[in-house]
Structure formats: structure tokens, C-alpha cells
């Protein structure tokens, strides 16, 4: 499938990490974006638990594409010092699980306060960068609703200010849709600076659906990536139902309908169908 490498948030299959790895193996996906492990967020794992995760990954022959961390998913008014300590632990986890990539965000705030907090956001993200300057770590900023970098323009601002080999962008179509953004226009603005993709589609009203069934222009994205010779990850993050730990990651109310392997397979197959169509045109 061209140079596309599939990964995914396997905690949407099951909270049980062994089940996650087993099902990903069955789907012939050799990477995961690790976020939830046995009901705990990756940031909450002890060092001994991380070592156990590493052994399990090796047993199943699966690698980690990125740490799906919650870094930057706090309010600007929350305790940053404690959050920075969490960041240090996540950096250790990334190094231990042998991935350079850490997914992160740019802090929750009221959207009429983005100008007020802009310099403080930059200062906080710069402190993360300073900590990793001598490490083989890359921070991947994900566009997410209600944070500073929720619009393409502010994502571009972050990259223009901080972007280098250790600070890059994730592109998440559904998150842009939920912010009222045209995905094609967002991609055209940001594609030169994006190094990682979350595959999540949504309808115009923001409801998550499998790739190609919403207004996320997924086929256009895949076609564009093929043309530019993209050699990187497409990480499936379906959000087709609830999963353990979801309520801790989202500020809005969550759907009580359970997520499971069936829905995850639907999402994976939808993406693979688009890739096959594009690569065989």
C-alpha cells in the first residue's frame, strides 16, 4: 500500500492490552499508537508496567508508532508544574518503548482568550522542547477542539514559531470538522508541515464515522499523500463509540455506547478501501 504505514489507537478495541495486541495482529497492523493500557492512561503506568508493556509488544511483534499522550490536554489555569513532571515520565516511556513520537496538545482555553494566552502557550511548549533537545524525541501537535491549536491558522502559527526536527504537526480531519473548519482548505494550508495523520472522519454535524463516510475529504488526503510520496503513519482513531478512559480525555459529554473490535475493523477496512482505490487508479 504505497508508503503508508498503518497504526491505530488500539484501546478502542478493548481496555485489555493483550486483546488489543492480539486483534491488531489479526488485522495485520504492525504498529499501535499506545494510549490506554488495561484501563489506565499511558501516562499513569509505573516503570515496571511500562517494561511489561514492552515485553508484550515484543511477544506479539508489534511496535509503537507514537505515544498517545495527554500532554497539553489541561486548562491554561491548571497546575503546569505537575503536568511537566508527567511530561518527563512520558518522555521516558517513549524512549523505553522505542518510539521518537509523542502526541500532544496546546492547552484548553475559552476561544475568546486565544490572544491572551498565545505567548504563554508558546512558553510552555518551548519548555517541553528544551527538555528534549538532547533526546531523539519528536513532539507531534494534534489539532483538537477548544485548545489553542484548534484552527489551521493557529496550528500554522505554532509551527512557524516552534517547528523544527523536534516539533511537528499531526493532522486530524474529524477534529477540524468539529471546529467548523473545511478539511481540504486546512490540509492545503498545513500539508508542508504535517508529519503524522490521525484517520478519523465525521459528518458535517461532527459525528464520527468511518473514513470516507463524512466530510473529511479522506480520499483527497490520501491522493495528495500518494502524489507527494508520503512515507509515514496513518493512525486509525475511529471514535465510533465510547471506550474506557474516553471521559478523561474529552471535555464534552461522551457517548455511552461501547467501542469494540467490530467497529475498529470497520474503520480499518474503510481506510484500506480508500488506499486501495487511490493506489490502483
C-alpha atoms as a PDB file:
ATOM      1  CA  UNK A   1       0.000   0.000   0.000  1.00  0.00           C
ATOM      2  CA  UNK A   2       2.377   2.665  -1.236  1.00  0.00           C
ATOM      3  CA  UNK A   3       4.446   4.069   1.673  1.00  0.00           C
ATOM      4  CA  UNK A   4       1.538   4.263   4.099  1.00  0.00           C
ATOM      5  CA  UNK A   5       2.168   2.566   7.439  1.00  0.00           C
ATOM      6  CA  UNK A   6      -0.987   1.742   9.370  1.00  0.00           C
ATOM      7  CA  UNK A   7      -1.198   2.178  13.114  1.00  0.00           C
ATOM      8  CA  UNK A   8      -4.070   2.877  15.481  1.00  0.00           C
ATOM      9  CA  UNK A   9      -5.429   3.618  18.924  1.00  0.00           C
ATOM     10  CA  UNK A  10      -5.928   0.006  19.908  1.00  0.00           C
ATOM     11  CA  UNK A  11      -7.524   0.904  23.248  1.00  0.00           C
ATOM     12  CA  UNK A  12     -10.691   1.497  21.230  1.00  0.00           C
ATOM     13  CA  UNK A  13     -10.753  -2.279  20.672  1.00  0.00           C
ATOM     14  CA  UNK A  14     -10.550  -3.237  24.334  1.00  0.00           C
ATOM     15  CA  UNK A  15      -9.116  -1.948  27.593  1.00  0.00           C
ATOM     16  CA  UNK A  16      -7.239  -5.280  27.884  1.00  0.00           C
ATOM     17  CA  UNK A  17      -3.802  -4.708  26.368  1.00  0.00           C
ATOM     18  CA  UNK A  18      -3.335  -8.364  25.419  1.00  0.00           C
ATOM     19  CA  UNK A  19      -6.616  -8.273  23.486  1.00  0.00           C
ATOM     20  CA  UNK A  20      -5.524  -5.050  21.794  1.00  0.00           C
ATOM     21  CA  UNK A  21      -2.306  -6.621  20.543  1.00  0.00           C
ATOM     22  CA  UNK A  22      -3.972  -9.861  19.517  1.00  0.00           C
ATOM     23  CA  UNK A  23      -6.617  -8.111  17.431  1.00  0.00           C
ATOM     24  CA  UNK A  24      -4.138  -5.729  15.805  1.00  0.00           C
ATOM     25  CA  UNK A  25      -2.033  -8.750  14.866  1.00  0.00           C
ATOM     26  CA  UNK A  26      -5.091 -10.384  13.263  1.00  0.00           C
ATOM     27  CA  UNK A  27      -5.657  -7.221  11.222  1.00  0.00           C
ATOM     28  CA  UNK A  28      -2.013  -7.292  10.032  1.00  0.00           C
ATOM     29  CA  UNK A  29      -1.259  -3.940  11.639  1.00  0.00           C
ATOM     30  CA  UNK A  30       2.281  -3.908  12.955  1.00  0.00           C
ATOM     31  CA  UNK A  31       2.121  -0.651  14.962  1.00  0.00           C
ATOM     32  CA  UNK A  32      -0.057   0.876  17.638  1.00  0.00           C
ATOM     33  CA  UNK A  33      -0.391   4.384  18.988  1.00  0.00           C
ATOM     34  CA  UNK A  34      -0.411   3.404  22.634  1.00  0.00           C
ATOM     35  CA  UNK A  35      -2.796   5.382  24.851  1.00  0.00           C
ATOM     36  CA  UNK A  36      -4.852   3.141  27.140  1.00  0.00           C
ATOM     37  CA  UNK A  37      -3.368   0.037  28.769  1.00  0.00           C
ATOM     38  CA  UNK A  38      -5.541  -2.201  30.936  1.00  0.00           C
ATOM     39  CA  UNK A  39      -7.798   0.702  31.808  1.00  0.00           C
ATOM     40  CA  UNK A  40      -5.009   3.148  32.636  1.00  0.00           C
ATOM     41  CA  UNK A  41      -3.785   6.043  30.544  1.00  0.00           C
ATOM     42  CA  UNK A  42      -0.235   5.537  29.285  1.00  0.00           C
ATOM     43  CA  UNK A  43       0.898   8.469  31.441  1.00  0.00           C
ATOM     44  CA  UNK A  44      -0.269   6.641  34.579  1.00  0.00           C
ATOM     45  CA  UNK A  45       1.781   3.487  34.075  1.00  0.00           C
ATOM     46  CA  UNK A  46       4.586   2.777  36.502  1.00  0.00           C
ATOM     47  CA  UNK A  47       8.024   1.981  35.174  1.00  0.00           C
ATOM     48  CA  UNK A  48       7.545  -1.723  35.886  1.00  0.00           C
ATOM     49  CA  UNK A  49       4.224  -1.661  33.997  1.00  0.00           C
ATOM     50  CA  UNK A  50       5.916   0.008  31.030  1.00  0.00           C
ATOM     51  CA  UNK A  51       8.583  -2.711  30.998  1.00  0.00           C
ATOM     52  CA  UNK A  52       5.804  -5.317  30.932  1.00  0.00           C
ATOM     53  CA  UNK A  53       4.166  -3.474  28.009  1.00  0.00           C
ATOM     54  CA  UNK A  54       7.481  -3.556  26.179  1.00  0.00           C
ATOM     55  CA  UNK A  55       7.733  -7.333  26.657  1.00  0.00           C
ATOM     56  CA  UNK A  56       4.185  -7.854  25.409  1.00  0.00           C
ATOM     57  CA  UNK A  57       4.835  -5.744  22.326  1.00  0.00           C
ATOM     58  CA  UNK A  58       7.893  -7.828  21.548  1.00  0.00           C
ATOM     59  CA  UNK A  59       5.961 -11.080  22.065  1.00  0.00           C
ATOM     60  CA  UNK A  60       3.352 -10.007  19.514  1.00  0.00           C
ATOM     61  CA  UNK A  61       5.841  -8.474  17.088  1.00  0.00           C
ATOM     62  CA  UNK A  62       4.164  -5.068  17.305  1.00  0.00           C
ATOM     63  CA  UNK A  63       5.918  -1.700  17.562  1.00  0.00           C
ATOM     64  CA  UNK A  64       4.801   1.702  18.800  1.00  0.00           C
ATOM     65  CA  UNK A  65       4.211   4.435  16.222  1.00  0.00           C
ATOM     66  CA  UNK A  66       3.665   7.118  18.864  1.00  0.00           C
ATOM     67  CA  UNK A  67       2.764   7.686  22.482  1.00  0.00           C
ATOM     68  CA  UNK A  68      -0.855   8.887  22.511  1.00  0.00           C
ATOM     69  CA  UNK A  69      -0.167  11.113  25.480  1.00  0.00           C
ATOM     70  CA  UNK A  70      -2.494  13.643  27.158  1.00  0.00           C
ATOM     71  CA  UNK A  71       0.250  16.277  27.332  1.00  0.00           C
ATOM     72  CA  UNK A  72      -1.237  19.727  26.767  1.00  0.00           C
ATOM     73  CA  UNK A  73      -4.778  18.472  27.456  1.00  0.00           C
ATOM     74  CA  UNK A  74      -5.208  20.594  30.556  1.00  0.00           C
ATOM     75  CA  UNK A  75      -6.628  24.060  31.061  1.00  0.00           C
ATOM     76  CA  UNK A  76      -4.309  27.028  30.980  1.00  0.00           C
ATOM     77  CA  UNK A  77      -5.301  27.665  34.597  1.00  0.00           C
ATOM     78  CA  UNK A  78      -4.356  24.138  35.765  1.00  0.00           C
ATOM     79  CA  UNK A  79      -1.112  23.251  37.558  1.00  0.00           C
ATOM     80  CA  UNK A  80       1.582  23.249  34.882  1.00  0.00           C
ATOM     81  CA  UNK A  81       4.407  22.155  37.190  1.00  0.00           C
ATOM     82  CA  UNK A  82       2.722  18.820  37.906  1.00  0.00           C
ATOM     83  CA  UNK A  83       1.912  18.460  34.225  1.00  0.00           C
ATOM     84  CA  UNK A  84       5.561  18.993  33.323  1.00  0.00           C
ATOM     85  CA  UNK A  85       6.528  16.163  35.673  1.00  0.00           C
ATOM     86  CA  UNK A  86       4.091  13.948  33.773  1.00  0.00           C
ATOM     87  CA  UNK A  87       5.744  15.058  30.548  1.00  0.00           C
ATOM     88  CA  UNK A  88       9.150  13.906  31.807  1.00  0.00           C
ATOM     89  CA  UNK A  89       7.692  10.482  32.608  1.00  0.00           C
ATOM     90  CA  UNK A  90       6.124  10.236  29.154  1.00  0.00           C
ATOM     91  CA  UNK A  91       9.453  11.063  27.530  1.00  0.00           C
ATOM     92  CA  UNK A  92      10.960   8.151  29.472  1.00  0.00           C
ATOM     93  CA  UNK A  93       8.099   5.922  28.298  1.00  0.00           C
ATOM     94  CA  UNK A  94       8.685   6.906  24.663  1.00  0.00           C
ATOM     95  CA  UNK A  95      12.372   6.132  24.957  1.00  0.00           C
ATOM     96  CA  UNK A  96      11.653   2.816  26.655  1.00  0.00           C
ATOM     97  CA  UNK A  97       9.093   1.765  24.043  1.00  0.00           C
ATOM     98  CA  UNK A  98      11.471   2.869  21.289  1.00  0.00           C
ATOM     99  CA  UNK A  99       9.373   5.476  19.530  1.00  0.00           C
ATOM    100  CA  UNK A 100      10.520   9.032  18.844  1.00  0.00           C
ATOM    101  CA  UNK A 101       6.972  10.382  18.611  1.00  0.00           C
ATOM    102  CA  UNK A 102       4.858  11.873  21.405  1.00  0.00           C
ATOM    103  CA  UNK A 103       1.369  13.138  20.542  1.00  0.00           C
ATOM    104  CA  UNK A 104       0.470  16.310  22.450  1.00  0.00           C
ATOM    105  CA  UNK A 105      -1.817  19.358  22.524  1.00  0.00           C
ATOM    106  CA  UNK A 106      -1.737  23.115  23.186  1.00  0.00           C
ATOM    107  CA  UNK A 107      -3.975  23.557  26.246  1.00  0.00           C
ATOM    108  CA  UNK A 108      -7.672  24.162  26.744  1.00  0.00           C
ATOM    109  CA  UNK A 109      -8.993  27.706  26.920  1.00  0.00           C
ATOM    110  CA  UNK A 110     -12.047  29.754  26.089  1.00  0.00           C
ATOM    111  CA  UNK A 111     -11.797  30.560  22.417  1.00  0.00           C
ATOM    112  CA  UNK A 112     -12.109  34.287  23.088  1.00  0.00           C
ATOM    113  CA  UNK A 113      -8.892  34.018  25.125  1.00  0.00           C
ATOM    114  CA  UNK A 114      -6.525  32.663  22.460  1.00  0.00           C
ATOM    115  CA  UNK A 115      -4.786  36.009  22.006  1.00  0.00           C
ATOM    116  CA  UNK A 116      -4.469  36.415  25.759  1.00  0.00           C
ATOM    117  CA  UNK A 117      -2.801  33.039  26.212  1.00  0.00           C
ATOM    118  CA  UNK A 118      -0.820  32.751  22.978  1.00  0.00           C
ATOM    119  CA  UNK A 119       2.567  33.754  24.444  1.00  0.00           C
ATOM    120  CA  UNK A 120       2.086  31.522  27.468  1.00  0.00           C
ATOM    121  CA  UNK A 121       1.254  28.564  25.208  1.00  0.00           C
ATOM    122  CA  UNK A 122       4.471  29.175  23.279  1.00  0.00           C
ATOM    123  CA  UNK A 123       6.408  29.414  26.538  1.00  0.00           C
ATOM    124  CA  UNK A 124       5.037  26.103  27.794  1.00  0.00           C
ATOM    125  CA  UNK A 125       5.647  24.272  24.529  1.00  0.00           C
ATOM    126  CA  UNK A 126       9.156  25.740  24.415  1.00  0.00           C
ATOM    127  CA  UNK A 127       9.853  24.307  27.856  1.00  0.00           C
ATOM    128  CA  UNK A 128       8.890  20.866  26.552  1.00  0.00           C
ATOM    129  CA  UNK A 129      11.236  21.347  23.622  1.00  0.00           C
ATOM    130  CA  UNK A 130      14.074  22.473  25.874  1.00  0.00           C
ATOM    131  CA  UNK A 131      13.733  19.279  27.902  1.00  0.00           C
ATOM    132  CA  UNK A 132      14.054  17.015  24.840  1.00  0.00           C
ATOM    133  CA  UNK A 133      16.733  18.995  22.964  1.00  0.00           C
ATOM    134  CA  UNK A 134      19.379  16.303  23.522  1.00  0.00           C
ATOM    135  CA  UNK A 135      16.969  13.392  23.070  1.00  0.00           C
ATOM    136  CA  UNK A 136      15.710  11.570  19.987  1.00  0.00           C
ATOM    137  CA  UNK A 137      12.157  12.705  20.624  1.00  0.00           C
ATOM    138  CA  UNK A 138       9.678  14.478  18.316  1.00  0.00           C
ATOM    139  CA  UNK A 139       6.645  16.302  19.690  1.00  0.00           C
ATOM    140  CA  UNK A 140       3.613  15.965  17.433  1.00  0.00           C
ATOM    141  CA  UNK A 141       0.971  18.636  17.975  1.00  0.00           C
ATOM    142  CA  UNK A 142      -2.558  17.446  17.300  1.00  0.00           C
ATOM    143  CA  UNK A 143      -5.286  19.871  16.297  1.00  0.00           C
ATOM    144  CA  UNK A 144      -8.065  19.439  18.849  1.00  0.00           C
ATOM    145  CA  UNK A 145     -11.241  21.368  19.586  1.00  0.00           C
ATOM    146  CA  UNK A 146     -11.094  24.012  22.315  1.00  0.00           C
ATOM    147  CA  UNK A 147      -7.287  24.202  22.559  1.00  0.00           C
ATOM    148  CA  UNK A 148      -5.069  26.981  21.207  1.00  0.00           C
ATOM    149  CA  UNK A 149      -4.185  24.979  18.099  1.00  0.00           C
ATOM    150  CA  UNK A 150      -7.716  24.071  17.070  1.00  0.00           C
ATOM    151  CA  UNK A 151      -7.751  26.068  13.823  1.00  0.00           C
ATOM    152  CA  UNK A 152      -5.412  25.656  10.836  1.00  0.00           C
ATOM    153  CA  UNK A 153      -4.187  29.216  11.240  1.00  0.00           C
ATOM    154  CA  UNK A 154      -3.141  28.716  14.860  1.00  0.00           C
ATOM    155  CA  UNK A 155      -1.589  25.330  14.053  1.00  0.00           C
ATOM    156  CA  UNK A 156       0.447  27.154  11.432  1.00  0.00           C
ATOM    157  CA  UNK A 157       1.371  29.809  13.993  1.00  0.00           C
ATOM    158  CA  UNK A 158       2.674  27.089  16.330  1.00  0.00           C
ATOM    159  CA  UNK A 159       4.719  25.506  13.575  1.00  0.00           C
ATOM    160  CA  UNK A 160       6.107  28.785  12.270  1.00  0.00           C
ATOM    161  CA  UNK A 161       7.145  29.686  15.825  1.00  0.00           C
ATOM    162  CA  UNK A 162       8.373  26.308  17.105  1.00  0.00           C
ATOM    163  CA  UNK A 163       8.616  23.968  14.147  1.00  0.00           C
ATOM    164  CA  UNK A 164      11.816  22.018  13.560  1.00  0.00           C
ATOM    165  CA  UNK A 165      13.039  18.406  13.691  1.00  0.00           C
ATOM    166  CA  UNK A 166      11.570  18.061  17.192  1.00  0.00           C
ATOM    167  CA  UNK A 167       8.241  19.826  16.779  1.00  0.00           C
ATOM    168  CA  UNK A 168       5.865  18.810  14.005  1.00  0.00           C
ATOM    169  CA  UNK A 169       2.133  18.615  13.301  1.00  0.00           C
ATOM    170  CA  UNK A 170      -0.479  15.876  13.368  1.00  0.00           C
ATOM    171  CA  UNK A 171      -3.442  16.308  11.034  1.00  0.00           C
ATOM    172  CA  UNK A 172      -6.809  15.063  12.323  1.00  0.00           C
ATOM    173  CA  UNK A 173      -9.665  15.661   9.843  1.00  0.00           C
ATOM    174  CA  UNK A 174     -12.564  14.987  12.236  1.00  0.00           C
ATOM    175  CA  UNK A 175     -11.231  17.378  14.855  1.00  0.00           C
ATOM    176  CA  UNK A 176     -11.147  20.145  12.267  1.00  0.00           C
ATOM    177  CA  UNK A 177     -14.705  19.313  11.183  1.00  0.00           C
ATOM    178  CA  UNK A 178     -15.847  19.617  14.798  1.00  0.00           C
ATOM    179  CA  UNK A 179     -14.339  23.112  14.843  1.00  0.00           C
ATOM    180  CA  UNK A 180     -16.296  24.120  11.747  1.00  0.00           C
ATOM    181  CA  UNK A 181     -13.202  24.002   9.517  1.00  0.00           C
ATOM    182  CA  UNK A 182     -13.107  22.882   5.874  1.00  0.00           C
ATOM    183  CA  UNK A 183     -10.697  19.935   5.904  1.00  0.00           C
ATOM    184  CA  UNK A 184      -9.443  20.386   2.343  1.00  0.00           C
ATOM    185  CA  UNK A 185      -8.596  24.034   2.993  1.00  0.00           C
ATOM    186  CA  UNK A 186      -6.891  23.104   6.268  1.00  0.00           C
ATOM    187  CA  UNK A 187      -4.809  20.425   4.559  1.00  0.00           C
ATOM    188  CA  UNK A 188      -3.806  22.746   1.723  1.00  0.00           C
ATOM    189  CA  UNK A 189      -2.572  25.268   4.318  1.00  0.00           C
ATOM    190  CA  UNK A 190      -0.733  22.815   6.560  1.00  0.00           C
ATOM    191  CA  UNK A 191       0.376  19.854   4.448  1.00  0.00           C
ATOM    192  CA  UNK A 192       4.005  21.005   4.168  1.00  0.00           C
ATOM    193  CA  UNK A 193       4.326  20.880   7.950  1.00  0.00           C
ATOM    194  CA  UNK A 194       2.391  17.699   8.766  1.00  0.00           C
ATOM    195  CA  UNK A 195       4.371  14.576   9.659  1.00  0.00           C
ATOM    196  CA  UNK A 196       1.692  12.242  11.031  1.00  0.00           C
ATOM    197  CA  UNK A 197      -2.006  11.613  10.352  1.00  0.00           C
ATOM    198  CA  UNK A 198      -4.900  10.526  12.522  1.00  0.00           C
ATOM    199  CA  UNK A 199      -7.575   8.856  10.431  1.00  0.00           C
ATOM    200  CA  UNK A 200     -10.901   9.949  11.835  1.00  0.00           C
ATOM    201  CA  UNK A 201     -13.798  11.182   9.695  1.00  0.00           C
ATOM    202  CA  UNK A 202     -17.000  12.971  10.718  1.00  0.00           C
ATOM    203  CA  UNK A 203     -20.265  14.198   9.299  1.00  0.00           C
ATOM    204  CA  UNK A 204     -20.987  17.894   8.947  1.00  0.00           C
ATOM    205  CA  UNK A 205     -22.609  17.927  12.391  1.00  0.00           C
ATOM    206  CA  UNK A 206     -19.455  16.435  13.940  1.00  0.00           C
ATOM    207  CA  UNK A 207     -20.480  12.805  14.435  1.00  0.00           C
ATOM    208  CA  UNK A 208     -17.532  10.445  13.900  1.00  0.00           C
ATOM    209  CA  UNK A 209     -17.927   7.927  11.074  1.00  0.00           C
ATOM    210  CA  UNK A 210     -15.579   5.529   9.207  1.00  0.00           C
ATOM    211  CA  UNK A 211     -13.125   7.071   6.749  1.00  0.00           C
ATOM    212  CA  UNK A 212     -14.779   8.299   3.567  1.00  0.00           C
ATOM    213  CA  UNK A 213     -18.287   8.436   5.036  1.00  0.00           C
ATOM    214  CA  UNK A 214     -18.051  12.009   6.298  1.00  0.00           C
ATOM    215  CA  UNK A 215     -16.936  15.386   5.006  1.00  0.00           C
ATOM    216  CA  UNK A 216     -13.254  14.882   5.880  1.00  0.00           C
ATOM    217  CA  UNK A 217     -12.098  14.579   2.260  1.00  0.00           C
ATOM    218  CA  UNK A 218     -10.174  11.419   3.173  1.00  0.00           C
ATOM    219  CA  UNK A 219      -9.760  10.304  -0.429  1.00  0.00           C
ATOM    220  CA  UNK A 220      -8.362  13.725  -1.349  1.00  0.00           C
ATOM    221  CA  UNK A 221      -5.894  13.494   1.548  1.00  0.00           C
ATOM    222  CA  UNK A 222      -4.736  10.012   0.558  1.00  0.00           C
ATOM    223  CA  UNK A 223      -4.406  11.038  -3.092  1.00  0.00           C
ATOM    224  CA  UNK A 224      -2.341  14.061  -2.087  1.00  0.00           C
ATOM    225  CA  UNK A 225      -0.126  11.964   0.186  1.00  0.00           C
ATOM    226  CA  UNK A 226       0.436   9.450  -2.604  1.00  0.00           C
ATOM    227  CA  UNK A 227       1.433  12.206  -5.024  1.00  0.00           C
ATOM    228  CA  UNK A 228       3.946  13.702  -2.589  1.00  0.00           C
ATOM    229  CA  UNK A 229       5.404  10.285  -1.753  1.00  0.00           C
ATOM    230  CA  UNK A 230       4.391  10.367   1.894  1.00  0.00           C
ATOM    231  CA  UNK A 231       6.298   7.749   3.857  1.00  0.00           C
ATOM    232  CA  UNK A 232       4.744   7.680   7.298  1.00  0.00           C
ATOM    233  CA  UNK A 233       1.945   6.709   9.627  1.00  0.00           C
ATOM    234  CA  UNK A 234      -1.799   6.716   9.166  1.00  0.00           C
ATOM    235  CA  UNK A 235      -3.081   6.106  12.682  1.00  0.00           C
ATOM    236  CA  UNK A 236      -6.676   4.923  12.889  1.00  0.00           C
ATOM    237  CA  UNK A 237      -8.629   6.647  15.669  1.00  0.00           C
ATOM    238  CA  UNK A 238     -12.253   5.741  14.940  1.00  0.00           C
ATOM    239  CA  UNK A 239     -14.123   7.184  17.970  1.00  0.00           C
ATOM    240  CA  UNK A 240     -17.100   5.148  16.741  1.00  0.00           C
ATOM    241  CA  UNK A 241     -18.138   4.550  20.338  1.00  0.00           C
ATOM    242  CA  UNK A 242     -17.055   5.053  23.919  1.00  0.00           C
ATOM    243  CA  UNK A 243     -14.036   3.307  25.430  1.00  0.00           C
ATOM    244  CA  UNK A 244     -12.512   3.107  28.888  1.00  0.00           C
ATOM    245  CA  UNK A 245     -10.743   6.356  29.700  1.00  0.00           C
ATOM    246  CA  UNK A 246     -12.509   8.401  26.997  1.00  0.00           C
ATOM    247  CA  UNK A 247     -14.332  10.539  29.554  1.00  0.00           C
ATOM    248  CA  UNK A 248     -10.979  11.646  30.993  1.00  0.00           C
ATOM    249  CA  UNK A 249      -9.770  12.823  27.588  1.00  0.00           C
ATOM    250  CA  UNK A 250     -12.829  14.765  26.443  1.00  0.00           C
ATOM    251  CA  UNK A 251     -14.296  17.934  27.945  1.00  0.00           C
ATOM    252  CA  UNK A 252     -17.719  17.358  26.384  1.00  0.00           C
ATOM    253  CA  UNK A 253     -20.176  14.612  27.285  1.00  0.00           C
ATOM    254  CA  UNK A 254     -19.350  11.211  25.829  1.00  0.00           C
ATOM    255  CA  UNK A 255     -21.452   8.601  24.085  1.00  0.00           C
ATOM    256  CA  UNK A 256     -22.142   5.664  26.412  1.00  0.00           C
ATOM    257  CA  UNK A 257     -22.233   3.217  23.516  1.00  0.00           C
ATOM    258  CA  UNK A 258     -19.282   0.865  23.798  1.00  0.00           C
ATOM    259  CA  UNK A 259     -16.414   0.790  21.339  1.00  0.00           C
ATOM    260  CA  UNK A 260     -15.215  -2.636  20.267  1.00  0.00           C
ATOM    261  CA  UNK A 261     -13.176  -4.629  17.807  1.00  0.00           C
ATOM    262  CA  UNK A 262     -16.012  -4.802  15.259  1.00  0.00           C
ATOM    263  CA  UNK A 263     -16.177  -1.019  14.974  1.00  0.00           C
ATOM    264  CA  UNK A 264     -12.409  -0.763  14.874  1.00  0.00           C
ATOM    265  CA  UNK A 265     -12.294  -3.242  11.988  1.00  0.00           C
ATOM    266  CA  UNK A 266     -14.944  -1.188  10.176  1.00  0.00           C
ATOM    267  CA  UNK A 267     -12.701   1.860  10.481  1.00  0.00           C
ATOM    268  CA  UNK A 268      -9.583  -0.007   9.347  1.00  0.00           C
ATOM    269  CA  UNK A 269     -11.354  -1.580   6.371  1.00  0.00           C
ATOM    270  CA  UNK A 270     -12.795   1.779   5.317  1.00  0.00           C
ATOM    271  CA  UNK A 271      -9.299   3.286   5.274  1.00  0.00           C
ATOM    272  CA  UNK A 272      -7.823   0.321   3.432  1.00  0.00           C
ATOM    273  CA  UNK A 273     -10.558   0.579   0.808  1.00  0.00           C
ATOM    274  CA  UNK A 274      -9.671   4.218   0.148  1.00  0.00           C
ATOM    275  CA  UNK A 275      -5.955   3.400  -0.051  1.00  0.00           C
ATOM    276  CA  UNK A 276      -6.598   0.557  -2.488  1.00  0.00           C
ATOM    277  CA  UNK A 277      -8.774   2.774  -4.682  1.00  0.00           C
ATOM    278  CA  UNK A 278      -6.186   5.530  -4.747  1.00  0.00           C
ATOM    279  CA  UNK A 279      -3.196   3.279  -5.303  1.00  0.00           C
ATOM    280  CA  UNK A 280      -4.864   1.344  -8.117  1.00  0.00           C
ATOM    281  CA  UNK A 281      -6.262   4.316 -10.028  1.00  0.00           C
END
